[in-house]
Amino acid sequence: MQETRQSSVTLVLGGVRSGKSRYAQQLAEKSRRVVFVATAKATDDEMAAKIQLHRGDRPKEWLTVEEPLELPKVLAQHELDCEVIVVDCLTIFAANLIEAEGEDNEAIERRAEALCEALRAVQCSVVLVSNEVGSGVVPAYPLGRRYRDLLGEINQKVARIADDVVLMVAGLPLALKGHLEVTP
C-alpha cells in the first residue's frame, strides 16, 4: 500500500451504509497518529447506540474529538499533532449548521467557507466523510429540501478543494477525482 500523501484532502461520498466510514478508517489506519473528529450528538437512544458502535470500531490509540460545529478550529488545533484527521461526517455537520444558525443563510455560508479555508491551509492530511444526496428522493418538506441543498453545496465546495474524491457504492470505492489509496 502507498503512504498517505502529506497535506492531502480526501472526500469520501456515498449513500447510507455504503462503506464510507470504513473506507475513511482504512485510509487513516495507514498513519500512526490519527485524530478522529465526530460531528454527531447523542440526541436519542438510537443515535447514542450508533455513536457507541462507531467508537468501538476505531483503534483505541486514535484521539477522538467530538465537535458538531467548529471544524476549522479543530483542524487548526490538531494539524501538527497528527498525520491525518478524519472528519465523520459532513452530513451531520450540515444538520448542525441549520440547527445552530436557523434561517441565517449568511452565517451558514460563512461557516461552510471557513471550513473550506481551513482545508486549504491545513498541514496534515484530512479525510472527510459525507452522504451523497444528489441521487435521492426530493424531500417533501421545505426544511428537508433546504438541508439537502446545503449538504450538496458543502460537498461540492469540499470536492473542489479535495485532491481525491471517492464515491462508495456497495462497499466498493470509485475514484471520481484523483486516485484510490486503498482498495478492498
N, C-alpha and C. Protein backbone atom coordinates (compact mmCIF):
# COMPACT_ATOMS: atom_id res chain seq x y z
N MET A 1 0.83 -1.20 0.00
CA MET A 1 0.00 0.00 0.00
C MET A 1 0.87 1.25 0.00
N GLN A 2 0.37 2.29 -0.61
CA GLN A 2 1.09 3.54 -0.66
C GLN A 2 0.97 4.27 0.67
N GLU A 3 1.91 5.16 0.94
CA GLU A 3 1.80 6.05 2.09
C GLU A 3 0.78 7.15 1.77
N THR A 4 0.09 7.64 2.81
CA THR A 4 -0.82 8.76 2.63
C THR A 4 0.02 9.99 2.29
N ARG A 5 -0.37 10.71 1.27
CA ARG A 5 0.38 11.90 0.86
C ARG A 5 0.28 12.98 1.92
N GLN A 6 1.31 13.80 2.07
CA GLN A 6 1.29 14.90 3.02
C GLN A 6 0.26 15.94 2.58
N SER A 7 -0.45 16.45 3.53
CA SER A 7 -1.41 17.55 3.32
C SER A 7 -2.43 17.29 2.22
N SER A 8 -2.86 16.07 2.08
CA SER A 8 -3.89 15.79 1.09
C SER A 8 -5.27 15.91 1.73
N VAL A 9 -6.26 16.23 0.90
CA VAL A 9 -7.65 16.26 1.34
C VAL A 9 -8.40 15.23 0.51
N THR A 10 -9.10 14.34 1.20
CA THR A 10 -9.88 13.30 0.54
C THR A 10 -11.32 13.40 1.01
N LEU A 11 -12.24 13.44 0.06
CA LEU A 11 -13.67 13.43 0.36
C LEU A 11 -14.22 12.06 -0.02
N VAL A 12 -14.86 11.40 0.95
CA VAL A 12 -15.44 10.08 0.73
C VAL A 12 -16.95 10.24 0.79
N LEU A 13 -17.60 10.06 -0.37
CA LEU A 13 -19.05 10.21 -0.51
C LEU A 13 -19.72 8.86 -0.70
N GLY A 14 -21.01 8.81 -0.41
CA GLY A 14 -21.78 7.61 -0.69
C GLY A 14 -23.11 7.67 0.01
N GLY A 15 -23.93 6.69 -0.28
CA GLY A 15 -25.23 6.59 0.36
C GLY A 15 -25.10 6.01 1.75
N VAL A 16 -26.23 5.87 2.41
CA VAL A 16 -26.27 5.28 3.74
C VAL A 16 -25.79 3.83 3.66
N ARG A 17 -24.91 3.45 4.60
CA ARG A 17 -24.37 2.09 4.71
C ARG A 17 -23.62 1.65 3.46
N SER A 18 -22.99 2.58 2.77
CA SER A 18 -22.23 2.26 1.56
C SER A 18 -20.78 1.91 1.84
N GLY A 19 -20.32 2.09 3.09
CA GLY A 19 -18.93 1.79 3.42
C GLY A 19 -18.05 3.03 3.54
N LYS A 20 -18.66 4.21 3.59
CA LYS A 20 -17.89 5.46 3.65
C LYS A 20 -16.96 5.52 4.86
N SER A 21 -17.54 5.32 6.03
CA SER A 21 -16.74 5.43 7.25
C SER A 21 -15.66 4.35 7.30
N ARG A 22 -15.98 3.17 6.88
CA ARG A 22 -15.00 2.08 6.86
C ARG A 22 -13.83 2.44 5.93
N TYR A 23 -14.13 2.97 4.76
CA TYR A 23 -13.08 3.36 3.82
C TYR A 23 -12.21 4.47 4.42
N ALA A 24 -12.84 5.47 5.01
CA ALA A 24 -12.09 6.57 5.63
C ALA A 24 -11.17 6.02 6.72
N GLN A 25 -11.68 5.09 7.50
CA GLN A 25 -10.87 4.48 8.56
C GLN A 25 -9.69 3.71 7.97
N GLN A 26 -9.92 2.99 6.88
CA GLN A 26 -8.83 2.25 6.24
C GLN A 26 -7.75 3.21 5.74
N LEU A 27 -8.15 4.35 5.21
CA LEU A 27 -7.16 5.35 4.81
C LEU A 27 -6.33 5.81 6.00
N ALA A 28 -7.01 6.12 7.09
CA ALA A 28 -6.34 6.64 8.27
C ALA A 28 -5.47 5.60 8.96
N GLU A 29 -5.83 4.34 8.88
CA GLU A 29 -5.06 3.28 9.54
C GLU A 29 -3.66 3.14 8.99
N LYS A 30 -3.37 3.73 7.85
CA LYS A 30 -2.02 3.70 7.29
C LYS A 30 -1.10 4.67 8.03
N SER A 31 -1.68 5.51 8.88
CA SER A 31 -0.91 6.51 9.63
C SER A 31 -0.80 6.10 11.09
N ARG A 32 0.24 6.58 11.75
CA ARG A 32 0.44 6.25 13.16
C ARG A 32 -0.36 7.17 14.06
N ARG A 33 -0.40 8.45 13.74
CA ARG A 33 -1.07 9.43 14.60
C ARG A 33 -2.31 9.95 13.89
N VAL A 34 -3.48 9.64 14.48
CA VAL A 34 -4.76 9.98 13.86
C VAL A 34 -5.64 10.71 14.86
N VAL A 35 -6.28 11.77 14.39
CA VAL A 35 -7.32 12.45 15.15
C VAL A 35 -8.63 12.19 14.42
N PHE A 36 -9.61 11.69 15.16
CA PHE A 36 -10.93 11.40 14.60
C PHE A 36 -11.89 12.45 15.13
N VAL A 37 -12.53 13.19 14.23
CA VAL A 37 -13.47 14.24 14.62
C VAL A 37 -14.88 13.74 14.34
N ALA A 38 -15.66 13.59 15.41
CA ALA A 38 -17.04 13.12 15.31
C ALA A 38 -17.97 14.32 15.42
N THR A 39 -18.84 14.49 14.44
CA THR A 39 -19.76 15.64 14.45
C THR A 39 -21.12 15.31 15.05
N ALA A 40 -21.38 14.03 15.31
CA ALA A 40 -22.70 13.62 15.80
C ALA A 40 -22.87 13.94 17.29
N LYS A 41 -24.12 14.21 17.64
CA LYS A 41 -24.50 14.40 19.04
C LYS A 41 -25.50 13.31 19.38
N ALA A 42 -25.41 12.78 20.59
CA ALA A 42 -26.33 11.72 21.03
C ALA A 42 -27.67 12.34 21.41
N THR A 43 -28.51 12.58 20.41
CA THR A 43 -29.80 13.25 20.63
C THR A 43 -30.92 12.29 21.02
N ASP A 44 -30.72 10.99 20.82
CA ASP A 44 -31.70 9.99 21.22
C ASP A 44 -30.97 8.66 21.42
N ASP A 45 -31.70 7.66 21.87
CA ASP A 45 -31.09 6.35 22.17
C ASP A 45 -30.49 5.70 20.92
N GLU A 46 -31.18 5.83 19.79
CA GLU A 46 -30.68 5.24 18.55
C GLU A 46 -29.34 5.86 18.15
N MET A 47 -29.25 7.20 18.23
CA MET A 47 -28.01 7.87 17.86
C MET A 47 -26.91 7.53 18.87
N ALA A 48 -27.24 7.46 20.13
CA ALA A 48 -26.25 7.10 21.16
C ALA A 48 -25.68 5.71 20.88
N ALA A 49 -26.53 4.77 20.50
CA ALA A 49 -26.08 3.41 20.18
C ALA A 49 -25.18 3.42 18.95
N LYS A 50 -25.54 4.21 17.95
CA LYS A 50 -24.73 4.29 16.73
C LYS A 50 -23.35 4.89 17.04
N ILE A 51 -23.32 5.92 17.89
CA ILE A 51 -22.06 6.54 18.28
C ILE A 51 -21.18 5.51 19.00
N GLN A 52 -21.78 4.73 19.91
CA GLN A 52 -21.02 3.70 20.64
C GLN A 52 -20.45 2.66 19.68
N LEU A 53 -21.24 2.26 18.69
CA LEU A 53 -20.79 1.28 17.71
C LEU A 53 -19.58 1.82 16.94
N HIS A 54 -19.67 3.07 16.49
CA HIS A 54 -18.55 3.68 15.75
C HIS A 54 -17.32 3.80 16.64
N ARG A 55 -17.50 4.18 17.90
CA ARG A 55 -16.35 4.27 18.83
C ARG A 55 -15.63 2.94 18.93
N GLY A 56 -16.41 1.87 19.03
CA GLY A 56 -15.84 0.54 19.16
C GLY A 56 -15.09 0.08 17.93
N ASP A 57 -15.44 0.62 16.76
CA ASP A 57 -14.79 0.24 15.51
C ASP A 57 -13.43 0.91 15.31
N ARG A 58 -13.19 2.00 16.01
CA ARG A 58 -11.95 2.76 15.82
C ARG A 58 -10.82 2.22 16.70
N PRO A 59 -9.60 2.33 16.20
CA PRO A 59 -8.45 1.96 17.04
C PRO A 59 -8.42 2.82 18.31
N LYS A 60 -8.10 2.18 19.42
CA LYS A 60 -8.13 2.85 20.73
C LYS A 60 -7.09 3.96 20.83
N GLU A 61 -6.01 3.85 20.07
CA GLU A 61 -4.94 4.86 20.18
C GLU A 61 -5.26 6.17 19.44
N TRP A 62 -6.31 6.19 18.64
CA TRP A 62 -6.70 7.42 17.97
C TRP A 62 -7.29 8.39 18.98
N LEU A 63 -6.96 9.66 18.82
CA LEU A 63 -7.60 10.70 19.61
C LEU A 63 -8.95 11.01 18.98
N THR A 64 -10.01 10.95 19.77
CA THR A 64 -11.35 11.30 19.28
C THR A 64 -11.74 12.66 19.84
N VAL A 65 -12.16 13.55 18.95
CA VAL A 65 -12.65 14.87 19.32
C VAL A 65 -14.10 14.94 18.87
N GLU A 66 -14.99 15.19 19.80
CA GLU A 66 -16.40 15.33 19.46
C GLU A 66 -16.70 16.81 19.30
N GLU A 67 -16.97 17.22 18.06
CA GLU A 67 -17.21 18.64 17.77
C GLU A 67 -18.25 18.76 16.66
N PRO A 68 -19.44 19.21 16.99
CA PRO A 68 -20.51 19.29 16.00
C PRO A 68 -20.41 20.45 15.01
N LEU A 69 -19.71 21.53 15.36
CA LEU A 69 -19.74 22.74 14.52
C LEU A 69 -18.38 23.34 14.18
N GLU A 70 -17.48 23.40 15.10
CA GLU A 70 -16.24 24.18 14.95
C GLU A 70 -15.13 23.37 14.28
N LEU A 71 -15.39 22.85 13.10
CA LEU A 71 -14.40 22.05 12.40
C LEU A 71 -13.13 22.83 12.06
N PRO A 72 -13.21 24.08 11.61
CA PRO A 72 -11.97 24.81 11.34
C PRO A 72 -11.07 24.93 12.58
N LYS A 73 -11.68 25.15 13.72
CA LYS A 73 -10.93 25.26 14.97
C LYS A 73 -10.23 23.94 15.30
N VAL A 74 -10.93 22.84 15.15
CA VAL A 74 -10.35 21.52 15.43
C VAL A 74 -9.20 21.23 14.48
N LEU A 75 -9.37 21.54 13.20
CA LEU A 75 -8.28 21.32 12.23
C LEU A 75 -7.04 22.11 12.63
N ALA A 76 -7.23 23.36 12.99
CA ALA A 76 -6.10 24.21 13.39
C ALA A 76 -5.45 23.71 14.68
N GLN A 77 -6.25 23.25 15.63
CA GLN A 77 -5.72 22.79 16.92
C GLN A 77 -4.91 21.51 16.79
N HIS A 78 -5.27 20.64 15.86
CA HIS A 78 -4.67 19.31 15.82
C HIS A 78 -3.81 19.02 14.60
N GLU A 79 -3.69 19.94 13.66
CA GLU A 79 -2.99 19.64 12.41
C GLU A 79 -1.52 19.28 12.61
N LEU A 80 -0.89 19.77 13.65
CA LEU A 80 0.52 19.47 13.89
C LEU A 80 0.71 18.28 14.82
N ASP A 81 -0.38 17.78 15.42
CA ASP A 81 -0.31 16.67 16.36
C ASP A 81 -0.47 15.31 15.69
N CYS A 82 -0.79 15.30 14.41
CA CYS A 82 -1.13 14.03 13.78
C CYS A 82 -0.73 14.04 12.31
N GLU A 83 -0.86 12.87 11.71
CA GLU A 83 -0.60 12.74 10.28
C GLU A 83 -1.89 12.90 9.48
N VAL A 84 -3.00 12.50 10.10
CA VAL A 84 -4.29 12.57 9.40
C VAL A 84 -5.41 12.88 10.40
N ILE A 85 -6.35 13.67 9.92
CA ILE A 85 -7.58 13.95 10.66
C ILE A 85 -8.73 13.39 9.84
N VAL A 86 -9.57 12.60 10.49
CA VAL A 86 -10.77 12.07 9.84
C VAL A 86 -11.96 12.84 10.39
N VAL A 87 -12.77 13.41 9.51
CA VAL A 87 -14.00 14.11 9.91
C VAL A 87 -15.17 13.26 9.47
N ASP A 88 -15.92 12.77 10.46
CA ASP A 88 -17.07 11.91 10.17
C ASP A 88 -18.26 12.45 10.96
N CYS A 89 -19.16 13.20 10.36
CA CYS A 89 -19.27 13.39 8.93
C CYS A 89 -19.83 14.78 8.62
N LEU A 90 -19.67 15.19 7.36
CA LEU A 90 -20.24 16.46 6.90
C LEU A 90 -21.76 16.41 6.84
N THR A 91 -22.32 15.23 6.72
CA THR A 91 -23.77 15.07 6.67
C THR A 91 -24.41 15.61 7.93
N ILE A 92 -23.87 15.22 9.07
CA ILE A 92 -24.40 15.69 10.35
C ILE A 92 -23.95 17.13 10.61
N PHE A 93 -22.75 17.49 10.16
CA PHE A 93 -22.28 18.87 10.28
C PHE A 93 -23.28 19.83 9.63
N ALA A 94 -23.79 19.48 8.44
CA ALA A 94 -24.76 20.35 7.75
C ALA A 94 -26.03 20.50 8.58
N ALA A 95 -26.51 19.40 9.16
CA ALA A 95 -27.70 19.47 10.03
C ALA A 95 -27.41 20.33 11.26
N ASN A 96 -26.23 20.20 11.82
CA ASN A 96 -25.85 21.01 12.97
C ASN A 96 -25.80 22.49 12.63
N LEU A 97 -25.35 22.82 11.41
CA LEU A 97 -25.32 24.22 10.98
C LEU A 97 -26.73 24.81 10.94
N ILE A 98 -27.65 24.07 10.37
CA ILE A 98 -29.03 24.55 10.30
C ILE A 98 -29.62 24.70 11.69
N GLU A 99 -29.35 23.75 12.56
CA GLU A 99 -29.85 23.83 13.93
C GLU A 99 -29.27 25.04 14.66
N ALA A 100 -27.98 25.30 14.48
CA ALA A 100 -27.32 26.39 15.19
C ALA A 100 -27.67 27.77 14.64
N GLU A 101 -27.80 27.86 13.32
CA GLU A 101 -27.96 29.17 12.68
C GLU A 101 -29.38 29.47 12.23
N GLY A 102 -30.25 28.48 12.27
CA GLY A 102 -31.64 28.70 11.88
C GLY A 102 -31.75 29.17 10.44
N GLU A 103 -32.45 30.26 10.26
CA GLU A 103 -32.71 30.81 8.92
C GLU A 103 -31.60 31.73 8.41
N ASP A 104 -30.54 31.91 9.19
CA ASP A 104 -29.46 32.83 8.82
C ASP A 104 -28.53 32.16 7.80
N ASN A 105 -28.93 32.22 6.54
CA ASN A 105 -28.16 31.58 5.48
C ASN A 105 -26.76 32.16 5.32
N GLU A 106 -26.61 33.45 5.60
CA GLU A 106 -25.28 34.06 5.50
C GLU A 106 -24.34 33.49 6.55
N ALA A 107 -24.83 33.28 7.76
CA ALA A 107 -24.00 32.68 8.82
C ALA A 107 -23.61 31.25 8.44
N ILE A 108 -24.53 30.51 7.87
CA ILE A 108 -24.24 29.14 7.43
C ILE A 108 -23.19 29.16 6.34
N GLU A 109 -23.34 30.06 5.39
CA GLU A 109 -22.36 30.19 4.30
C GLU A 109 -20.98 30.55 4.84
N ARG A 110 -20.92 31.45 5.82
CA ARG A 110 -19.63 31.82 6.42
C ARG A 110 -18.97 30.61 7.08
N ARG A 111 -19.76 29.82 7.79
CA ARG A 111 -19.20 28.63 8.44
C ARG A 111 -18.70 27.61 7.42
N ALA A 112 -19.45 27.42 6.35
CA ALA A 112 -19.04 26.48 5.30
C ALA A 112 -17.76 26.97 4.63
N GLU A 113 -17.69 28.27 4.38
CA GLU A 113 -16.48 28.83 3.76
C GLU A 113 -15.29 28.76 4.71
N ALA A 114 -15.52 28.95 6.01
CA ALA A 114 -14.44 28.82 6.99
C ALA A 114 -13.86 27.41 6.98
N LEU A 115 -14.72 26.41 6.83
CA LEU A 115 -14.24 25.03 6.73
C LEU A 115 -13.36 24.88 5.50
N CYS A 116 -13.80 25.42 4.38
CA CYS A 116 -13.02 25.32 3.14
C CYS A 116 -11.66 26.02 3.28
N GLU A 117 -11.64 27.18 3.90
CA GLU A 117 -10.37 27.89 4.12
C GLU A 117 -9.44 27.06 5.00
N ALA A 118 -10.00 26.45 6.04
CA ALA A 118 -9.19 25.61 6.93
C ALA A 118 -8.62 24.41 6.16
N LEU A 119 -9.41 23.82 5.28
CA LEU A 119 -8.93 22.68 4.49
C LEU A 119 -7.82 23.10 3.55
N ARG A 120 -7.90 24.29 3.01
CA ARG A 120 -6.84 24.78 2.11
C ARG A 120 -5.53 25.01 2.87
N ALA A 121 -5.62 25.34 4.15
CA ALA A 121 -4.45 25.72 4.93
C ALA A 121 -3.87 24.60 5.79
N VAL A 122 -4.61 23.54 6.02
CA VAL A 122 -4.20 22.51 6.97
C VAL A 122 -2.88 21.86 6.56
N GLN A 123 -2.08 21.50 7.56
CA GLN A 123 -0.74 20.95 7.30
C GLN A 123 -0.65 19.45 7.48
N CYS A 124 -1.77 18.79 7.64
CA CYS A 124 -1.79 17.33 7.68
C CYS A 124 -2.85 16.87 6.68
N SER A 125 -2.92 15.58 6.48
CA SER A 125 -3.95 15.05 5.58
C SER A 125 -5.30 15.05 6.31
N VAL A 126 -6.36 15.24 5.54
CA VAL A 126 -7.71 15.24 6.09
C VAL A 126 -8.58 14.34 5.21
N VAL A 127 -9.35 13.48 5.86
CA VAL A 127 -10.32 12.63 5.17
C VAL A 127 -11.68 13.01 5.71
N LEU A 128 -12.58 13.44 4.82
CA LEU A 128 -13.92 13.84 5.21
C LEU A 128 -14.94 12.86 4.64
N VAL A 129 -15.91 12.50 5.46
CA VAL A 129 -16.97 11.58 5.06
C VAL A 129 -18.26 12.38 4.89
N SER A 130 -19.03 12.08 3.84
CA SER A 130 -20.31 12.76 3.64
C SER A 130 -21.25 11.89 2.81
N ASN A 131 -22.53 12.07 3.02
CA ASN A 131 -23.52 11.37 2.20
C ASN A 131 -23.68 12.09 0.88
N GLU A 132 -23.84 11.32 -0.18
CA GLU A 132 -24.18 11.87 -1.49
C GLU A 132 -25.69 11.99 -1.53
N VAL A 133 -26.18 13.21 -1.70
CA VAL A 133 -27.62 13.44 -1.65
C VAL A 133 -28.23 13.72 -3.02
N GLY A 134 -27.43 13.79 -4.05
CA GLY A 134 -27.93 14.18 -5.35
C GLY A 134 -28.74 13.12 -6.07
N SER A 135 -28.71 11.90 -5.61
CA SER A 135 -29.43 10.83 -6.29
C SER A 135 -30.70 10.39 -5.57
N GLY A 136 -30.99 11.06 -4.47
CA GLY A 136 -32.12 10.64 -3.65
C GLY A 136 -33.44 11.27 -4.06
N VAL A 137 -34.45 10.93 -3.29
CA VAL A 137 -35.79 11.45 -3.49
C VAL A 137 -35.82 12.91 -3.04
N VAL A 138 -36.58 13.75 -3.73
CA VAL A 138 -36.74 15.14 -3.33
C VAL A 138 -37.56 15.16 -2.04
N PRO A 139 -37.00 15.74 -0.96
CA PRO A 139 -37.75 15.77 0.30
C PRO A 139 -39.09 16.47 0.15
N ALA A 140 -40.07 16.00 0.90
CA ALA A 140 -41.44 16.52 0.82
C ALA A 140 -41.61 17.86 1.53
N TYR A 141 -40.70 18.19 2.44
CA TYR A 141 -40.86 19.39 3.26
C TYR A 141 -39.75 20.40 2.98
N PRO A 142 -40.05 21.69 3.16
CA PRO A 142 -39.06 22.74 2.89
C PRO A 142 -37.76 22.57 3.66
N LEU A 143 -37.83 22.21 4.94
CA LEU A 143 -36.60 22.03 5.72
C LEU A 143 -35.75 20.90 5.16
N GLY A 144 -36.37 19.83 4.74
CA GLY A 144 -35.65 18.72 4.13
C GLY A 144 -34.96 19.12 2.84
N ARG A 145 -35.64 19.92 2.02
CA ARG A 145 -35.04 20.39 0.77
C ARG A 145 -33.89 21.36 1.06
N ARG A 146 -34.08 22.20 2.07
CA ARG A 146 -33.02 23.14 2.45
C ARG A 146 -31.77 22.38 2.91
N TYR A 147 -31.98 21.37 3.73
CA TYR A 147 -30.88 20.55 4.22
C TYR A 147 -30.17 19.85 3.05
N ARG A 148 -30.95 19.22 2.17
CA ARG A 148 -30.37 18.53 1.02
C ARG A 148 -29.54 19.47 0.18
N ASP A 149 -30.07 20.67 -0.07
CA ASP A 149 -29.34 21.66 -0.88
C ASP A 149 -28.06 22.11 -0.19
N LEU A 150 -28.13 22.36 1.12
CA LEU A 150 -26.95 22.79 1.87
C LEU A 150 -25.87 21.71 1.81
N LEU A 151 -26.24 20.47 2.09
CA LEU A 151 -25.24 19.40 2.06
C LEU A 151 -24.65 19.24 0.67
N GLY A 152 -25.48 19.34 -0.35
CA GLY A 152 -24.97 19.26 -1.72
C GLY A 152 -23.97 20.36 -2.02
N GLU A 153 -24.26 21.57 -1.55
CA GLU A 153 -23.33 22.70 -1.75
C GLU A 153 -22.02 22.48 -0.99
N ILE A 154 -22.11 22.02 0.26
CA ILE A 154 -20.89 21.76 1.03
C ILE A 154 -20.06 20.67 0.34
N ASN A 155 -20.71 19.60 -0.09
CA ASN A 155 -19.99 18.54 -0.80
C ASN A 155 -19.28 19.07 -2.03
N GLN A 156 -19.94 19.92 -2.80
CA GLN A 156 -19.31 20.48 -3.99
C GLN A 156 -18.11 21.34 -3.65
N LYS A 157 -18.24 22.16 -2.61
CA LYS A 157 -17.12 23.04 -2.20
C LYS A 157 -15.92 22.22 -1.76
N VAL A 158 -16.17 21.22 -0.95
CA VAL A 158 -15.08 20.38 -0.46
C VAL A 158 -14.48 19.58 -1.62
N ALA A 159 -15.30 19.08 -2.52
CA ALA A 159 -14.80 18.31 -3.67
C ALA A 159 -13.88 19.16 -4.54
N ARG A 160 -14.16 20.44 -4.68
CA ARG A 160 -13.29 21.31 -5.47
C ARG A 160 -11.91 21.43 -4.84
N ILE A 161 -11.85 21.44 -3.53
CA ILE A 161 -10.58 21.57 -2.81
C ILE A 161 -9.84 20.24 -2.76
N ALA A 162 -10.58 19.15 -2.69
CA ALA A 162 -10.01 17.82 -2.44
C ALA A 162 -9.05 17.38 -3.53
N ASP A 163 -8.02 16.67 -3.10
CA ASP A 163 -7.10 16.02 -4.03
C ASP A 163 -7.75 14.76 -4.59
N ASP A 164 -8.48 14.05 -3.72
CA ASP A 164 -9.14 12.81 -4.10
C ASP A 164 -10.59 12.86 -3.66
N VAL A 165 -11.49 12.43 -4.53
CA VAL A 165 -12.90 12.28 -4.19
C VAL A 165 -13.28 10.85 -4.55
N VAL A 166 -13.81 10.14 -3.55
CA VAL A 166 -14.14 8.72 -3.70
C VAL A 166 -15.64 8.56 -3.48
N LEU A 167 -16.29 7.85 -4.38
CA LEU A 167 -17.70 7.51 -4.22
C LEU A 167 -17.78 6.04 -3.83
N MET A 168 -18.43 5.77 -2.70
CA MET A 168 -18.60 4.40 -2.24
C MET A 168 -19.96 3.88 -2.69
N VAL A 169 -19.96 2.70 -3.31
CA VAL A 169 -21.19 2.04 -3.74
C VAL A 169 -21.07 0.57 -3.33
N ALA A 170 -21.97 0.12 -2.48
CA ALA A 170 -21.98 -1.27 -2.03
C ALA A 170 -20.62 -1.72 -1.50
N GLY A 171 -19.95 -0.81 -0.78
CA GLY A 171 -18.66 -1.14 -0.19
C GLY A 171 -17.48 -1.04 -1.13
N LEU A 172 -17.73 -0.62 -2.36
CA LEU A 172 -16.66 -0.52 -3.35
C LEU A 172 -16.34 0.94 -3.63
N PRO A 173 -15.05 1.30 -3.59
CA PRO A 173 -14.67 2.68 -3.86
C PRO A 173 -14.49 2.95 -5.36
N LEU A 174 -15.01 4.08 -5.79
CA LEU A 174 -14.84 4.53 -7.17
C LEU A 174 -14.16 5.89 -7.12
N ALA A 175 -13.04 6.05 -7.79
CA ALA A 175 -12.34 7.33 -7.79
C ALA A 175 -13.06 8.29 -8.74
N LEU A 176 -13.57 9.39 -8.20
CA LEU A 176 -14.19 10.43 -9.03
C LEU A 176 -13.17 11.51 -9.38
N LYS A 177 -12.19 11.69 -8.50
CA LYS A 177 -11.14 12.69 -8.69
C LYS A 177 -9.90 12.14 -8.01
N GLY A 178 -8.78 12.26 -8.64
CA GLY A 178 -7.54 11.74 -8.05
C GLY A 178 -7.46 10.24 -8.21
N HIS A 179 -7.07 9.58 -7.13
CA HIS A 179 -6.89 8.14 -7.19
C HIS A 179 -7.31 7.47 -5.90
N LEU A 180 -7.37 6.16 -5.93
CA LEU A 180 -7.72 5.38 -4.74
C LEU A 180 -6.43 5.02 -4.01
N GLU A 181 -6.38 5.29 -2.72
CA GLU A 181 -5.21 4.92 -1.93
C GLU A 181 -5.42 3.58 -1.24
N VAL A 182 -6.65 3.15 -1.13
CA VAL A 182 -6.97 1.86 -0.51
C VAL A 182 -7.98 1.17 -1.42
N THR A 183 -7.76 -0.10 -1.68
CA THR A 183 -8.74 -0.85 -2.46
C THR A 183 -9.15 -2.07 -1.63
N PRO A 184 -10.39 -2.53 -1.79
CA PRO A 184 -10.86 -3.67 -0.99
C PRO A 184 -10.15 -4.96 -1.38
